[in-house]
Amino acid sequence: MNDIAITHGSFVALSRNKVKRGSVDTLVFWWFHHHIRRNFLGEKMTQDRAYAQYDIEKKSPIIAYVLWFFLGYIGVHRFYLGRVVSGFIMLAMSALFALLTFVSFGLFAFLWFIMGAWWLIDALLIPGMISRRNNEVANRVLGRRY
């Protein structure tokens, strides 16, 4: 930031040909948010801190498979791996199949084979989903492409 003017509880900041205005509280929040990845010398996050952040955010295959095994039929493992849309689809299909099975006194129980097939196929897809998700985290945190 080049210039900051603070008057009567508000501020105007000039930075890279942009003008930012707001309250002093907003300025403090903006400064903290802007510098969260920088140390006090203004340098970028050190490699050790970046790798620590990557280790915190990366997804574990063990947790993914435990979620898949116990709650996979409702898509919890997909939520964990960042596949929210397909997780909601699995959740909605499970709820619909459970309702149809209950209302029809088991007549539509065969629909659970669809969820079972998807559940088994997901066992083979989980390593790719984990790899893709961890690459996204690495790109964001480490600033590299894999």
N, C-alpha and C. Protein backbone atom coordinates (compact mmCIF):
# COMPACT_ATOMS: atom_id res chain seq x y z
N MET A 1 0.84 -1.16 0.00
CA MET A 1 0.00 0.00 0.00
C MET A 1 0.89 1.23 0.00
N ASN A 2 0.57 2.19 -0.82
CA ASN A 2 1.40 3.38 -0.91
C ASN A 2 1.00 4.43 0.11
N ASP A 3 -0.26 4.83 0.15
CA ASP A 3 -0.70 5.90 1.03
C ASP A 3 -1.98 5.48 1.74
N ILE A 4 -2.09 5.86 3.02
CA ILE A 4 -3.31 5.65 3.79
C ILE A 4 -3.64 6.95 4.50
N ALA A 5 -4.88 7.36 4.38
CA ALA A 5 -5.34 8.54 5.10
C ALA A 5 -6.46 8.13 6.03
N ILE A 6 -6.30 8.36 7.34
CA ILE A 6 -7.32 7.99 8.32
C ILE A 6 -7.85 9.27 8.92
N THR A 7 -9.17 9.46 8.80
CA THR A 7 -9.81 10.64 9.36
C THR A 7 -11.15 10.26 9.96
N HIS A 8 -11.41 10.66 11.18
CA HIS A 8 -12.69 10.50 11.86
C HIS A 8 -13.24 9.08 11.73
N GLY A 9 -12.42 8.09 11.98
CA GLY A 9 -12.88 6.71 12.01
C GLY A 9 -13.05 6.05 10.65
N SER A 10 -12.61 6.68 9.57
CA SER A 10 -12.67 6.05 8.27
C SER A 10 -11.32 6.20 7.59
N PHE A 11 -11.12 5.46 6.51
CA PHE A 11 -9.83 5.51 5.84
C PHE A 11 -10.02 5.53 4.33
N VAL A 12 -8.99 6.03 3.67
CA VAL A 12 -8.88 5.97 2.21
C VAL A 12 -7.48 5.46 1.94
N ALA A 13 -7.38 4.38 1.16
CA ALA A 13 -6.08 3.79 0.86
C ALA A 13 -5.87 3.79 -0.64
N LEU A 14 -4.70 4.21 -1.07
CA LEU A 14 -4.34 4.20 -2.48
C LEU A 14 -3.30 3.10 -2.68
N SER A 15 -3.61 2.16 -3.54
CA SER A 15 -2.70 1.04 -3.75
C SER A 15 -2.84 0.55 -5.18
N ARG A 16 -1.75 0.54 -5.93
CA ARG A 16 -1.74 0.02 -7.30
C ARG A 16 -2.89 0.58 -8.13
N ASN A 17 -3.04 1.88 -8.09
CA ASN A 17 -4.07 2.59 -8.85
C ASN A 17 -5.49 2.22 -8.42
N LYS A 18 -5.65 1.71 -7.20
CA LYS A 18 -6.98 1.41 -6.67
C LYS A 18 -7.20 2.26 -5.43
N VAL A 19 -8.44 2.65 -5.24
CA VAL A 19 -8.81 3.41 -4.05
C VAL A 19 -9.71 2.54 -3.20
N LYS A 20 -9.36 2.37 -1.93
CA LYS A 20 -10.17 1.59 -1.01
C LYS A 20 -10.64 2.52 0.09
N ARG A 21 -11.92 2.41 0.43
CA ARG A 21 -12.50 3.26 1.47
C ARG A 21 -13.23 2.38 2.47
N GLY A 22 -13.31 2.81 3.70
CA GLY A 22 -14.06 2.07 4.70
C GLY A 22 -13.75 2.56 6.09
N SER A 23 -14.22 1.80 7.08
CA SER A 23 -13.97 2.17 8.47
C SER A 23 -12.60 1.68 8.88
N VAL A 24 -12.14 2.17 10.01
CA VAL A 24 -10.84 1.74 10.52
C VAL A 24 -10.88 0.24 10.85
N ASP A 25 -12.01 -0.24 11.33
CA ASP A 25 -12.15 -1.68 11.59
C ASP A 25 -11.94 -2.47 10.31
N THR A 26 -12.48 -2.00 9.20
CA THR A 26 -12.30 -2.66 7.92
C THR A 26 -10.83 -2.63 7.52
N LEU A 27 -10.15 -1.52 7.80
CA LEU A 27 -8.73 -1.42 7.49
C LEU A 27 -7.93 -2.45 8.28
N VAL A 28 -8.24 -2.60 9.56
CA VAL A 28 -7.53 -3.57 10.39
C VAL A 28 -7.79 -4.97 9.87
N PHE A 29 -9.06 -5.28 9.56
CA PHE A 29 -9.38 -6.61 9.02
C PHE A 29 -8.67 -6.83 7.69
N TRP A 30 -8.69 -5.83 6.82
CA TRP A 30 -8.05 -5.97 5.51
C TRP A 30 -6.54 -6.19 5.67
N TRP A 31 -5.91 -5.42 6.56
CA TRP A 31 -4.47 -5.58 6.78
C TRP A 31 -4.16 -6.99 7.28
N PHE A 32 -4.94 -7.46 8.27
CA PHE A 32 -4.71 -8.79 8.82
C PHE A 32 -4.91 -9.86 7.74
N HIS A 33 -5.99 -9.75 6.96
CA HIS A 33 -6.28 -10.72 5.91
C HIS A 33 -5.20 -10.68 4.82
N HIS A 34 -4.75 -9.50 4.47
CA HIS A 34 -3.74 -9.36 3.42
C HIS A 34 -2.40 -9.94 3.87
N HIS A 35 -2.08 -9.80 5.14
CA HIS A 35 -0.78 -10.23 5.63
C HIS A 35 -0.80 -11.60 6.30
N ILE A 36 -1.89 -12.31 6.22
CA ILE A 36 -1.97 -13.62 6.88
C ILE A 36 -0.94 -14.58 6.30
N ARG A 37 -0.59 -14.42 5.04
CA ARG A 37 0.38 -15.30 4.41
C ARG A 37 1.77 -14.67 4.33
N ARG A 38 1.95 -13.59 4.99
CA ARG A 38 3.25 -12.93 4.95
C ARG A 38 3.76 -12.76 6.37
N ASN A 39 5.06 -12.79 6.53
CA ASN A 39 5.59 -12.52 7.86
C ASN A 39 5.72 -11.01 8.02
N PHE A 40 6.20 -10.58 9.18
CA PHE A 40 6.21 -9.15 9.46
C PHE A 40 7.22 -8.37 8.63
N LEU A 41 8.12 -9.05 7.93
CA LEU A 41 9.07 -8.35 7.08
C LEU A 41 8.51 -8.10 5.69
N GLY A 42 7.30 -8.57 5.43
CA GLY A 42 6.69 -8.37 4.13
C GLY A 42 7.07 -9.43 3.12
N GLU A 43 7.79 -10.46 3.53
CA GLU A 43 8.17 -11.52 2.61
C GLU A 43 7.06 -12.55 2.52
N LYS A 44 7.07 -13.32 1.45
CA LYS A 44 6.06 -14.35 1.30
C LYS A 44 6.27 -15.43 2.35
N MET A 45 5.22 -16.25 2.52
CA MET A 45 5.27 -17.33 3.48
C MET A 45 6.49 -18.22 3.20
N THR A 46 7.20 -18.59 4.24
CA THR A 46 8.35 -19.45 4.05
C THR A 46 7.91 -20.81 3.57
N GLN A 47 8.82 -21.53 2.97
CA GLN A 47 8.50 -22.87 2.44
C GLN A 47 8.03 -23.80 3.55
N ASP A 48 8.66 -23.70 4.73
CA ASP A 48 8.25 -24.57 5.84
C ASP A 48 6.81 -24.30 6.24
N ARG A 49 6.44 -23.04 6.32
CA ARG A 49 5.06 -22.70 6.68
C ARG A 49 4.10 -23.10 5.58
N ALA A 50 4.52 -22.98 4.33
CA ALA A 50 3.66 -23.37 3.21
C ALA A 50 3.43 -24.87 3.22
N TYR A 51 4.48 -25.64 3.45
CA TYR A 51 4.32 -27.10 3.51
C TYR A 51 3.50 -27.52 4.73
N ALA A 52 3.64 -26.80 5.83
CA ALA A 52 2.81 -27.09 7.00
C ALA A 52 1.35 -26.83 6.69
N GLN A 53 1.07 -25.73 5.99
CA GLN A 53 -0.31 -25.43 5.60
C GLN A 53 -0.85 -26.49 4.66
N TYR A 54 -0.01 -26.97 3.73
CA TYR A 54 -0.42 -28.04 2.82
C TYR A 54 -0.74 -29.31 3.60
N ASP A 55 0.10 -29.65 4.59
CA ASP A 55 -0.14 -30.84 5.40
C ASP A 55 -1.44 -30.74 6.17
N ILE A 56 -1.79 -29.54 6.61
CA ILE A 56 -3.04 -29.35 7.34
C ILE A 56 -4.24 -29.54 6.42
N GLU A 57 -4.16 -29.03 5.19
CA GLU A 57 -5.32 -29.02 4.30
C GLU A 57 -5.45 -30.23 3.40
N LYS A 58 -4.40 -31.02 3.24
CA LYS A 58 -4.49 -32.15 2.32
C LYS A 58 -5.45 -33.21 2.86
N LYS A 59 -6.00 -33.99 1.96
CA LYS A 59 -6.99 -35.01 2.31
C LYS A 59 -6.31 -36.36 2.51
N SER A 60 -6.76 -37.09 3.50
CA SER A 60 -6.18 -38.37 3.87
C SER A 60 -6.93 -39.52 3.20
N PRO A 61 -6.21 -40.46 2.57
CA PRO A 61 -6.89 -41.63 2.00
C PRO A 61 -7.56 -42.50 3.06
N ILE A 62 -6.97 -42.58 4.24
CA ILE A 62 -7.56 -43.41 5.29
C ILE A 62 -8.91 -42.86 5.72
N ILE A 63 -8.97 -41.55 5.95
CA ILE A 63 -10.24 -40.94 6.35
C ILE A 63 -11.26 -41.08 5.22
N ALA A 64 -10.83 -40.88 3.99
CA ALA A 64 -11.75 -40.99 2.85
C ALA A 64 -12.33 -42.40 2.76
N TYR A 65 -11.50 -43.42 2.93
CA TYR A 65 -12.00 -44.79 2.84
C TYR A 65 -12.85 -45.17 4.05
N VAL A 66 -12.55 -44.65 5.23
CA VAL A 66 -13.40 -44.92 6.39
C VAL A 66 -14.78 -44.29 6.18
N LEU A 67 -14.80 -43.05 5.69
CA LEU A 67 -16.09 -42.41 5.39
C LEU A 67 -16.83 -43.16 4.29
N TRP A 68 -16.09 -43.61 3.27
CA TRP A 68 -16.70 -44.36 2.18
C TRP A 68 -17.32 -45.66 2.71
N PHE A 69 -16.60 -46.37 3.57
CA PHE A 69 -17.08 -47.67 4.03
C PHE A 69 -18.32 -47.54 4.90
N PHE A 70 -18.32 -46.58 5.84
CA PHE A 70 -19.43 -46.49 6.77
C PHE A 70 -20.57 -45.58 6.30
N LEU A 71 -20.26 -44.50 5.59
CA LEU A 71 -21.29 -43.54 5.18
C LEU A 71 -21.28 -43.26 3.69
N GLY A 72 -20.67 -44.14 2.91
CA GLY A 72 -20.54 -43.92 1.48
C GLY A 72 -21.84 -43.92 0.72
N TYR A 73 -22.83 -44.66 1.19
CA TYR A 73 -24.10 -44.72 0.48
C TYR A 73 -24.86 -43.41 0.52
N ILE A 74 -24.48 -42.50 1.42
CA ILE A 74 -25.10 -41.17 1.42
C ILE A 74 -24.12 -40.10 0.95
N GLY A 75 -22.94 -40.48 0.50
CA GLY A 75 -22.01 -39.56 -0.16
C GLY A 75 -21.14 -38.72 0.75
N VAL A 76 -20.98 -39.11 2.00
CA VAL A 76 -20.18 -38.30 2.93
C VAL A 76 -18.73 -38.21 2.47
N HIS A 77 -18.20 -39.27 1.91
CA HIS A 77 -16.81 -39.24 1.43
C HIS A 77 -16.64 -38.24 0.30
N ARG A 78 -17.67 -38.04 -0.50
CA ARG A 78 -17.60 -37.06 -1.59
C ARG A 78 -17.61 -35.63 -1.03
N PHE A 79 -18.37 -35.39 0.02
CA PHE A 79 -18.33 -34.09 0.67
C PHE A 79 -16.94 -33.82 1.22
N TYR A 80 -16.33 -34.81 1.85
CA TYR A 80 -14.99 -34.68 2.42
C TYR A 80 -13.96 -34.35 1.34
N LEU A 81 -14.12 -34.92 0.15
CA LEU A 81 -13.15 -34.71 -0.92
C LEU A 81 -13.49 -33.52 -1.81
N GLY A 82 -14.48 -32.72 -1.42
CA GLY A 82 -14.80 -31.50 -2.14
C GLY A 82 -15.73 -31.69 -3.32
N ARG A 83 -16.32 -32.86 -3.46
CA ARG A 83 -17.29 -33.13 -4.54
C ARG A 83 -18.69 -32.94 -4.01
N VAL A 84 -19.05 -31.69 -3.77
CA VAL A 84 -20.29 -31.37 -3.07
C VAL A 84 -21.52 -31.72 -3.91
N VAL A 85 -21.49 -31.42 -5.19
CA VAL A 85 -22.67 -31.67 -6.04
C VAL A 85 -22.98 -33.16 -6.11
N SER A 86 -21.98 -33.97 -6.39
CA SER A 86 -22.24 -35.41 -6.47
C SER A 86 -22.56 -35.97 -5.08
N GLY A 87 -22.03 -35.36 -4.02
CA GLY A 87 -22.41 -35.76 -2.67
C GLY A 87 -23.88 -35.51 -2.39
N PHE A 88 -24.37 -34.34 -2.81
CA PHE A 88 -25.80 -34.05 -2.66
C PHE A 88 -26.64 -34.99 -3.51
N ILE A 89 -26.17 -35.34 -4.69
CA ILE A 89 -26.92 -36.27 -5.54
C ILE A 89 -27.02 -37.63 -4.86
N MET A 90 -25.90 -38.12 -4.30
CA MET A 90 -25.95 -39.40 -3.59
C MET A 90 -26.86 -39.33 -2.37
N LEU A 91 -26.79 -38.23 -1.64
CA LEU A 91 -27.65 -38.05 -0.47
C LEU A 91 -29.12 -38.03 -0.87
N ALA A 92 -29.44 -37.29 -1.93
CA ALA A 92 -30.83 -37.20 -2.39
C ALA A 92 -31.33 -38.55 -2.91
N MET A 93 -30.49 -39.25 -3.66
CA MET A 93 -30.90 -40.56 -4.16
C MET A 93 -31.11 -41.55 -3.02
N SER A 94 -30.25 -41.52 -2.02
CA SER A 94 -30.42 -42.41 -0.87
C SER A 94 -31.71 -42.10 -0.13
N ALA A 95 -31.99 -40.81 0.06
CA ALA A 95 -33.23 -40.43 0.74
C ALA A 95 -34.44 -40.85 -0.07
N LEU A 96 -34.38 -40.64 -1.39
CA LEU A 96 -35.50 -41.02 -2.25
C LEU A 96 -35.70 -42.54 -2.25
N PHE A 97 -34.61 -43.30 -2.37
CA PHE A 97 -34.73 -44.76 -2.38
C PHE A 97 -35.22 -45.28 -1.04
N ALA A 98 -34.79 -44.67 0.06
CA ALA A 98 -35.27 -45.08 1.38
C ALA A 98 -36.76 -44.80 1.52
N LEU A 99 -37.19 -43.64 1.05
CA LEU A 99 -38.61 -43.29 1.11
C LEU A 99 -39.44 -44.23 0.25
N LEU A 100 -38.99 -44.48 -0.98
CA LEU A 100 -39.73 -45.39 -1.86
C LEU A 100 -39.78 -46.81 -1.31
N THR A 101 -38.68 -47.25 -0.73
CA THR A 101 -38.66 -48.60 -0.15
C THR A 101 -39.60 -48.69 1.04
N PHE A 102 -39.60 -47.66 1.87
CA PHE A 102 -40.49 -47.65 3.03
C PHE A 102 -41.95 -47.58 2.63
N VAL A 103 -42.28 -46.68 1.71
CA VAL A 103 -43.68 -46.47 1.30
C VAL A 103 -44.22 -47.69 0.55
N SER A 104 -43.38 -48.33 -0.24
CA SER A 104 -43.84 -49.48 -1.05
C SER A 104 -43.68 -50.81 -0.31
N PHE A 105 -43.34 -50.77 0.98
CA PHE A 105 -43.15 -51.98 1.79
C PHE A 105 -42.12 -52.91 1.15
N GLY A 106 -41.05 -52.34 0.62
CA GLY A 106 -39.94 -53.12 0.09
C GLY A 106 -40.01 -53.41 -1.39
N LEU A 107 -41.06 -52.98 -2.06
CA LEU A 107 -41.21 -53.26 -3.48
C LEU A 107 -40.10 -52.61 -4.30
N PHE A 108 -39.67 -51.42 -3.91
CA PHE A 108 -38.62 -50.71 -4.64
C PHE A 108 -37.24 -50.89 -4.01
N ALA A 109 -37.05 -51.93 -3.23
CA ALA A 109 -35.76 -52.17 -2.58
C ALA A 109 -34.66 -52.45 -3.61
N PHE A 110 -35.04 -52.90 -4.79
CA PHE A 110 -34.04 -53.19 -5.84
C PHE A 110 -33.28 -51.92 -6.25
N LEU A 111 -33.84 -50.75 -6.00
CA LEU A 111 -33.17 -49.50 -6.36
C LEU A 111 -31.86 -49.31 -5.59
N TRP A 112 -31.73 -49.98 -4.44
CA TRP A 112 -30.50 -49.87 -3.66
C TRP A 112 -29.32 -50.47 -4.40
N PHE A 113 -29.57 -51.31 -5.41
CA PHE A 113 -28.47 -51.84 -6.21
C PHE A 113 -27.75 -50.72 -6.97
N ILE A 114 -28.50 -49.69 -7.34
CA ILE A 114 -27.88 -48.53 -8.02
C ILE A 114 -26.89 -47.86 -7.07
N MET A 115 -27.34 -47.63 -5.82
CA MET A 115 -26.45 -47.00 -4.85
C MET A 115 -25.28 -47.92 -4.51
N GLY A 116 -25.53 -49.22 -4.45
CA GLY A 116 -24.45 -50.17 -4.17
C GLY A 116 -23.40 -50.17 -5.27
N ALA A 117 -23.85 -50.10 -6.52
CA ALA A 117 -22.91 -50.06 -7.64
C ALA A 117 -22.09 -48.77 -7.60
N TRP A 118 -22.76 -47.63 -7.35
CA TRP A 118 -22.04 -46.36 -7.26
C TRP A 118 -21.06 -46.40 -6.09
N TRP A 119 -21.48 -47.00 -4.97
CA TRP A 119 -20.63 -47.11 -3.79
C TRP A 119 -19.38 -47.92 -4.11
N LEU A 120 -19.53 -49.03 -4.82
CA LEU A 120 -18.37 -49.86 -5.17
C LEU A 120 -17.46 -49.18 -6.19
N ILE A 121 -18.04 -48.51 -7.16
CA ILE A 121 -17.23 -47.80 -8.16
C ILE A 121 -16.44 -46.67 -7.50
N ASP A 122 -17.04 -46.03 -6.51
CA ASP A 122 -16.34 -44.96 -5.79
C ASP A 122 -15.09 -45.47 -5.08
N ALA A 123 -15.07 -46.72 -4.68
CA ALA A 123 -13.87 -47.28 -4.05
C ALA A 123 -12.68 -47.19 -5.01
N LEU A 124 -12.95 -47.33 -6.29
CA LEU A 124 -11.88 -47.23 -7.29
C LEU A 124 -11.57 -45.78 -7.67
N LEU A 125 -12.54 -44.90 -7.50
CA LEU A 125 -12.36 -43.49 -7.87
C LEU A 125 -11.74 -42.63 -6.77
N ILE A 126 -11.78 -43.09 -5.54
CA ILE A 126 -11.29 -42.29 -4.41
C ILE A 126 -9.82 -41.87 -4.57
N PRO A 127 -8.90 -42.75 -4.98
CA PRO A 127 -7.51 -42.27 -5.13
C PRO A 127 -7.36 -41.11 -6.11
N GLY A 128 -8.09 -41.14 -7.21
CA GLY A 128 -8.04 -40.03 -8.16
C GLY A 128 -8.63 -38.76 -7.60
N MET A 129 -9.74 -38.89 -6.84
CA MET A 129 -10.36 -37.72 -6.22
C MET A 129 -9.41 -37.09 -5.19
N ILE A 130 -8.72 -37.94 -4.41
CA ILE A 130 -7.78 -37.43 -3.41
C ILE A 130 -6.62 -36.73 -4.10
N SER A 131 -6.09 -37.34 -5.14
CA SER A 131 -4.97 -36.74 -5.87
C SER A 131 -5.35 -35.39 -6.46
N ARG A 132 -6.52 -35.32 -7.07
CA ARG A 132 -6.98 -34.06 -7.67
C ARG A 132 -7.16 -32.99 -6.60
N ARG A 133 -7.78 -33.36 -5.48
CA ARG A 133 -8.01 -32.40 -4.40
C ARG A 133 -6.70 -31.92 -3.80
N ASN A 134 -5.75 -32.84 -3.56
CA ASN A 134 -4.47 -32.45 -2.98
C ASN A 134 -3.65 -31.59 -3.95
N ASN A 135 -3.79 -31.83 -5.25
CA ASN A 135 -3.13 -30.97 -6.23
C ASN A 135 -3.70 -29.55 -6.20
N GLU A 136 -5.02 -29.43 -6.02
CA GLU A 136 -5.64 -28.12 -5.91
C GLU A 136 -5.10 -27.38 -4.69
N VAL A 137 -5.00 -28.10 -3.58
CA VAL A 137 -4.47 -27.49 -2.35
C VAL A 137 -3.02 -27.07 -2.56
N ALA A 138 -2.22 -27.93 -3.19
CA ALA A 138 -0.81 -27.60 -3.44
C ALA A 138 -0.68 -26.39 -4.35
N ASN A 139 -1.50 -26.32 -5.38
CA ASN A 139 -1.46 -25.16 -6.28
C ASN A 139 -1.77 -23.88 -5.53
N ARG A 140 -2.75 -23.93 -4.66
CA ARG A 140 -3.16 -22.73 -3.94
C ARG A 140 -2.15 -22.35 -2.87
N VAL A 141 -1.71 -23.31 -2.07
CA VAL A 141 -0.84 -23.01 -0.93
C VAL A 141 0.62 -22.83 -1.36
N LEU A 142 1.10 -23.72 -2.19
CA LEU A 142 2.51 -23.69 -2.56
C LEU A 142 2.76 -22.87 -3.81
N GLY A 143 1.70 -22.56 -4.56
CA GLY A 143 1.86 -21.76 -5.77
C GLY A 143 2.56 -22.52 -6.89
N ARG A 144 2.38 -23.84 -6.93
CA ARG A 144 3.03 -24.64 -7.95
C ARG A 144 1.99 -25.46 -8.70
N ARG A 145 2.43 -25.95 -9.85
CA ARG A 145 1.60 -26.84 -10.67
C ARG A 145 2.19 -28.22 -10.63
N TYR A 146 1.35 -29.20 -10.48
CA TYR A 146 1.81 -30.60 -10.50
C TYR A 146 1.19 -31.32 -11.66
